[in-house]
Amino acid sequence: MARWNNADRTPLARLRANAGFSAEKAAPLLGTIMMTLYRYEKGISELPLSVAEKMASLYAVPFDEIRLAARQTKKKNEVKQ
């Protein structure tokens, strides 16, 4: 499995990694599957409020930090398209 440099990750993925979670471990704790978490982290799918709240709790960061990371991720994805 490839290891990503933290700088190469999207803001949401960086928050997860900084909290010490792999996508495989975080997805079920967030009540989702890995593919859906991937889509949130890439800005492909809209991050639901309930999942954002779980992320904030699991990653031990303020909810506003999750919201900001989600916006930055979405904006980064829109620029690529």
N, C-alpha and C. Protein backbone atom coordinates (compact mmCIF):
# COMPACT_ATOMS: atom_id res chain seq x y z
N MET A 1 0.84 -1.18 0.00
CA MET A 1 0.00 0.00 0.00
C MET A 1 0.89 1.24 0.00
N ALA A 2 0.53 2.21 -0.82
CA ALA A 2 1.32 3.43 -0.94
C ALA A 2 1.13 4.31 0.29
N ARG A 3 2.17 4.93 0.72
CA ARG A 3 2.11 5.88 1.83
C ARG A 3 2.10 7.29 1.23
N TRP A 4 1.18 8.10 1.70
CA TRP A 4 1.06 9.46 1.20
C TRP A 4 1.81 10.42 2.10
N ASN A 5 2.46 11.35 1.49
CA ASN A 5 3.05 12.46 2.21
C ASN A 5 1.89 13.31 2.71
N ASN A 6 1.93 13.77 3.94
CA ASN A 6 0.83 14.54 4.51
C ASN A 6 0.51 15.77 3.66
N ALA A 7 1.50 16.35 3.02
CA ALA A 7 1.28 17.54 2.18
C ALA A 7 0.47 17.20 0.94
N ASP A 8 0.48 15.94 0.51
CA ASP A 8 -0.27 15.52 -0.68
C ASP A 8 -1.73 15.25 -0.38
N ARG A 9 -2.10 15.20 0.88
CA ARG A 9 -3.47 14.88 1.27
C ARG A 9 -4.36 16.12 1.20
N THR A 10 -5.65 15.88 1.05
CA THR A 10 -6.62 16.98 1.11
C THR A 10 -6.73 17.41 2.58
N PRO A 11 -7.29 18.59 2.83
CA PRO A 11 -7.42 19.04 4.22
C PRO A 11 -8.16 18.05 5.12
N LEU A 12 -9.25 17.44 4.64
CA LEU A 12 -9.98 16.47 5.46
C LEU A 12 -9.14 15.23 5.73
N ALA A 13 -8.47 14.74 4.72
CA ALA A 13 -7.61 13.56 4.90
C ALA A 13 -6.45 13.87 5.84
N ARG A 14 -5.94 15.09 5.78
CA ARG A 14 -4.84 15.49 6.66
C ARG A 14 -5.30 15.49 8.12
N LEU A 15 -6.53 15.98 8.37
CA LEU A 15 -7.04 15.97 9.74
C LEU A 15 -7.16 14.54 10.27
N ARG A 16 -7.65 13.65 9.42
CA ARG A 16 -7.76 12.24 9.81
C ARG A 16 -6.39 11.66 10.13
N ALA A 17 -5.43 11.87 9.23
CA ALA A 17 -4.08 11.33 9.41
C ALA A 17 -3.41 11.93 10.64
N ASN A 18 -3.59 13.22 10.86
CA ASN A 18 -2.99 13.87 12.03
C ASN A 18 -3.56 13.33 13.33
N ALA A 19 -4.81 12.83 13.27
CA ALA A 19 -5.44 12.24 14.46
C ALA A 19 -4.99 10.79 14.65
N GLY A 20 -4.21 10.27 13.69
CA GLY A 20 -3.66 8.93 13.82
C GLY A 20 -4.54 7.82 13.27
N PHE A 21 -5.49 8.18 12.39
CA PHE A 21 -6.40 7.18 11.83
C PHE A 21 -6.12 6.94 10.35
N SER A 22 -6.14 5.67 9.98
CA SER A 22 -6.14 5.33 8.56
C SER A 22 -7.60 5.43 8.10
N ALA A 23 -7.80 5.49 6.81
CA ALA A 23 -9.16 5.53 6.28
C ALA A 23 -9.89 4.24 6.65
N GLU A 24 -9.17 3.13 6.64
CA GLU A 24 -9.77 1.84 6.98
C GLU A 24 -10.30 1.81 8.41
N LYS A 25 -9.59 2.44 9.32
CA LYS A 25 -10.01 2.47 10.73
C LYS A 25 -11.08 3.54 10.96
N ALA A 26 -10.96 4.68 10.30
CA ALA A 26 -11.88 5.79 10.55
C ALA A 26 -13.27 5.55 9.98
N ALA A 27 -13.35 4.97 8.80
CA ALA A 27 -14.65 4.82 8.12
C ALA A 27 -15.71 4.16 9.00
N PRO A 28 -15.47 2.97 9.56
CA PRO A 28 -16.52 2.36 10.38
C PRO A 28 -16.83 3.15 11.65
N LEU A 29 -15.83 3.82 12.20
CA LEU A 29 -16.06 4.64 13.39
C LEU A 29 -16.92 5.87 13.07
N LEU A 30 -16.90 6.27 11.81
CA LEU A 30 -17.72 7.40 11.36
C LEU A 30 -19.08 6.93 10.83
N GLY A 31 -19.29 5.62 10.83
CA GLY A 31 -20.56 5.07 10.37
C GLY A 31 -20.70 5.06 8.86
N THR A 32 -19.57 4.91 8.17
CA THR A 32 -19.60 4.91 6.72
C THR A 32 -18.65 3.82 6.19
N ILE A 33 -18.58 3.69 4.91
CA ILE A 33 -17.63 2.76 4.30
C ILE A 33 -16.45 3.56 3.76
N MET A 34 -15.36 2.85 3.50
CA MET A 34 -14.14 3.53 3.08
C MET A 34 -14.32 4.33 1.78
N MET A 35 -15.05 3.79 0.83
CA MET A 35 -15.24 4.49 -0.44
C MET A 35 -15.99 5.81 -0.23
N THR A 36 -16.96 5.81 0.66
CA THR A 36 -17.70 7.04 0.94
C THR A 36 -16.80 8.05 1.64
N LEU A 37 -15.99 7.59 2.60
CA LEU A 37 -15.05 8.49 3.27
C LEU A 37 -14.08 9.07 2.25
N TYR A 38 -13.61 8.25 1.35
CA TYR A 38 -12.72 8.72 0.29
C TYR A 38 -13.39 9.84 -0.51
N ARG A 39 -14.67 9.66 -0.84
CA ARG A 39 -15.40 10.66 -1.62
C ARG A 39 -15.56 11.97 -0.84
N TYR A 40 -15.77 11.88 0.46
CA TYR A 40 -15.83 13.09 1.29
C TYR A 40 -14.47 13.78 1.31
N GLU A 41 -13.42 12.98 1.51
CA GLU A 41 -12.07 13.54 1.62
C GLU A 41 -11.58 14.14 0.31
N LYS A 42 -12.07 13.67 -0.81
CA LYS A 42 -11.68 14.21 -2.11
C LYS A 42 -12.59 15.35 -2.57
N GLY A 43 -13.66 15.63 -1.80
CA GLY A 43 -14.57 16.71 -2.18
C GLY A 43 -15.52 16.30 -3.29
N ILE A 44 -15.66 15.01 -3.53
CA ILE A 44 -16.54 14.51 -4.59
C ILE A 44 -17.98 14.49 -4.10
N SER A 45 -18.17 14.08 -2.84
CA SER A 45 -19.49 14.03 -2.22
C SER A 45 -19.58 15.07 -1.11
N GLU A 46 -20.76 15.61 -0.94
CA GLU A 46 -21.01 16.59 0.12
C GLU A 46 -20.90 15.90 1.48
N LEU A 47 -20.21 16.51 2.42
CA LEU A 47 -20.02 15.96 3.75
C LEU A 47 -21.27 16.24 4.59
N PRO A 48 -22.00 15.20 4.99
CA PRO A 48 -23.20 15.42 5.81
C PRO A 48 -22.84 15.96 7.20
N LEU A 49 -23.72 16.73 7.75
CA LEU A 49 -23.53 17.33 9.06
C LEU A 49 -23.24 16.26 10.11
N SER A 50 -23.99 15.16 10.08
CA SER A 50 -23.81 14.11 11.08
C SER A 50 -22.41 13.49 11.02
N VAL A 51 -21.88 13.33 9.82
CA VAL A 51 -20.53 12.76 9.67
C VAL A 51 -19.49 13.81 10.09
N ALA A 52 -19.72 15.06 9.75
CA ALA A 52 -18.80 16.13 10.16
C ALA A 52 -18.71 16.20 11.68
N GLU A 53 -19.84 16.06 12.36
CA GLU A 53 -19.84 16.08 13.82
C GLU A 53 -19.05 14.89 14.38
N LYS A 54 -19.22 13.71 13.78
CA LYS A 54 -18.48 12.53 14.22
C LYS A 54 -16.99 12.71 13.97
N MET A 55 -16.63 13.32 12.83
CA MET A 55 -15.22 13.58 12.53
C MET A 55 -14.60 14.47 13.59
N ALA A 56 -15.30 15.55 13.93
CA ALA A 56 -14.78 16.49 14.92
C ALA A 56 -14.50 15.77 16.24
N SER A 57 -15.43 14.92 16.63
CA SER A 57 -15.27 14.18 17.88
C SER A 57 -14.14 13.16 17.78
N LEU A 58 -14.14 12.37 16.72
CA LEU A 58 -13.13 11.32 16.54
C LEU A 58 -11.73 11.89 16.37
N TYR A 59 -11.61 12.96 15.59
CA TYR A 59 -10.30 13.56 15.32
C TYR A 59 -9.87 14.55 16.39
N ALA A 60 -10.76 14.79 17.37
CA ALA A 60 -10.48 15.70 18.50
C ALA A 60 -10.09 17.10 18.02
N VAL A 61 -10.90 17.62 17.10
CA VAL A 61 -10.71 18.99 16.61
C VAL A 61 -12.06 19.71 16.68
N PRO A 62 -12.05 21.04 16.71
CA PRO A 62 -13.31 21.78 16.73
C PRO A 62 -14.12 21.51 15.45
N PHE A 63 -15.44 21.51 15.60
CA PHE A 63 -16.33 21.29 14.47
C PHE A 63 -16.04 22.27 13.33
N ASP A 64 -15.77 23.53 13.67
CA ASP A 64 -15.47 24.54 12.64
C ASP A 64 -14.24 24.18 11.82
N GLU A 65 -13.30 23.48 12.42
CA GLU A 65 -12.10 23.05 11.68
C GLU A 65 -12.47 22.01 10.62
N ILE A 66 -13.40 21.13 10.95
CA ILE A 66 -13.89 20.14 9.97
C ILE A 66 -14.61 20.87 8.84
N ARG A 67 -15.48 21.82 9.18
CA ARG A 67 -16.21 22.58 8.15
C ARG A 67 -15.26 23.32 7.23
N LEU A 68 -14.25 23.96 7.80
CA LEU A 68 -13.27 24.69 7.00
C LEU A 68 -12.50 23.73 6.09
N ALA A 69 -12.07 22.59 6.62
CA ALA A 69 -11.34 21.61 5.82
C ALA A 69 -12.22 21.08 4.69
N ALA A 70 -13.50 20.86 4.97
CA ALA A 70 -14.43 20.37 3.93
C ALA A 70 -14.58 21.41 2.82
N ARG A 71 -14.69 22.68 3.18
CA ARG A 71 -14.80 23.75 2.17
C ARG A 71 -13.52 23.84 1.34
N GLN A 72 -12.37 23.77 2.01
CA GLN A 72 -11.09 23.83 1.30
C GLN A 72 -10.94 22.63 0.36
N THR A 73 -11.36 21.47 0.83
CA THR A 73 -11.28 20.26 0.02
C THR A 73 -12.17 20.38 -1.21
N LYS A 74 -13.39 20.85 -1.00
CA LYS A 74 -14.32 21.00 -2.12
C LYS A 74 -13.78 22.02 -3.13
N LYS A 75 -13.26 23.14 -2.63
CA LYS A 75 -12.71 24.17 -3.51
C LYS A 75 -11.52 23.63 -4.30
N LYS A 76 -10.67 22.86 -3.64
CA LYS A 76 -9.50 22.27 -4.30
C LYS A 76 -9.96 21.32 -5.40
N ASN A 77 -11.01 20.56 -5.14
CA ASN A 77 -11.56 19.63 -6.13
C ASN A 77 -12.16 20.38 -7.32
N GLU A 78 -12.85 21.49 -7.05
CA GLU A 78 -13.47 22.27 -8.13
C GLU A 78 -12.42 22.87 -9.05
N VAL A 79 -11.29 23.28 -8.50
CA VAL A 79 -10.21 23.87 -9.29
C VAL A 79 -9.64 22.82 -10.25
N LYS A 80 -9.55 21.57 -9.80
CA LYS A 80 -9.00 20.50 -10.64
C LYS A 80 -9.90 20.19 -11.82
N GLN A 81 -11.19 20.39 -11.67
CA GLN A 81 -12.13 20.02 -12.74
C GLN A 81 -12.20 21.02 -13.80
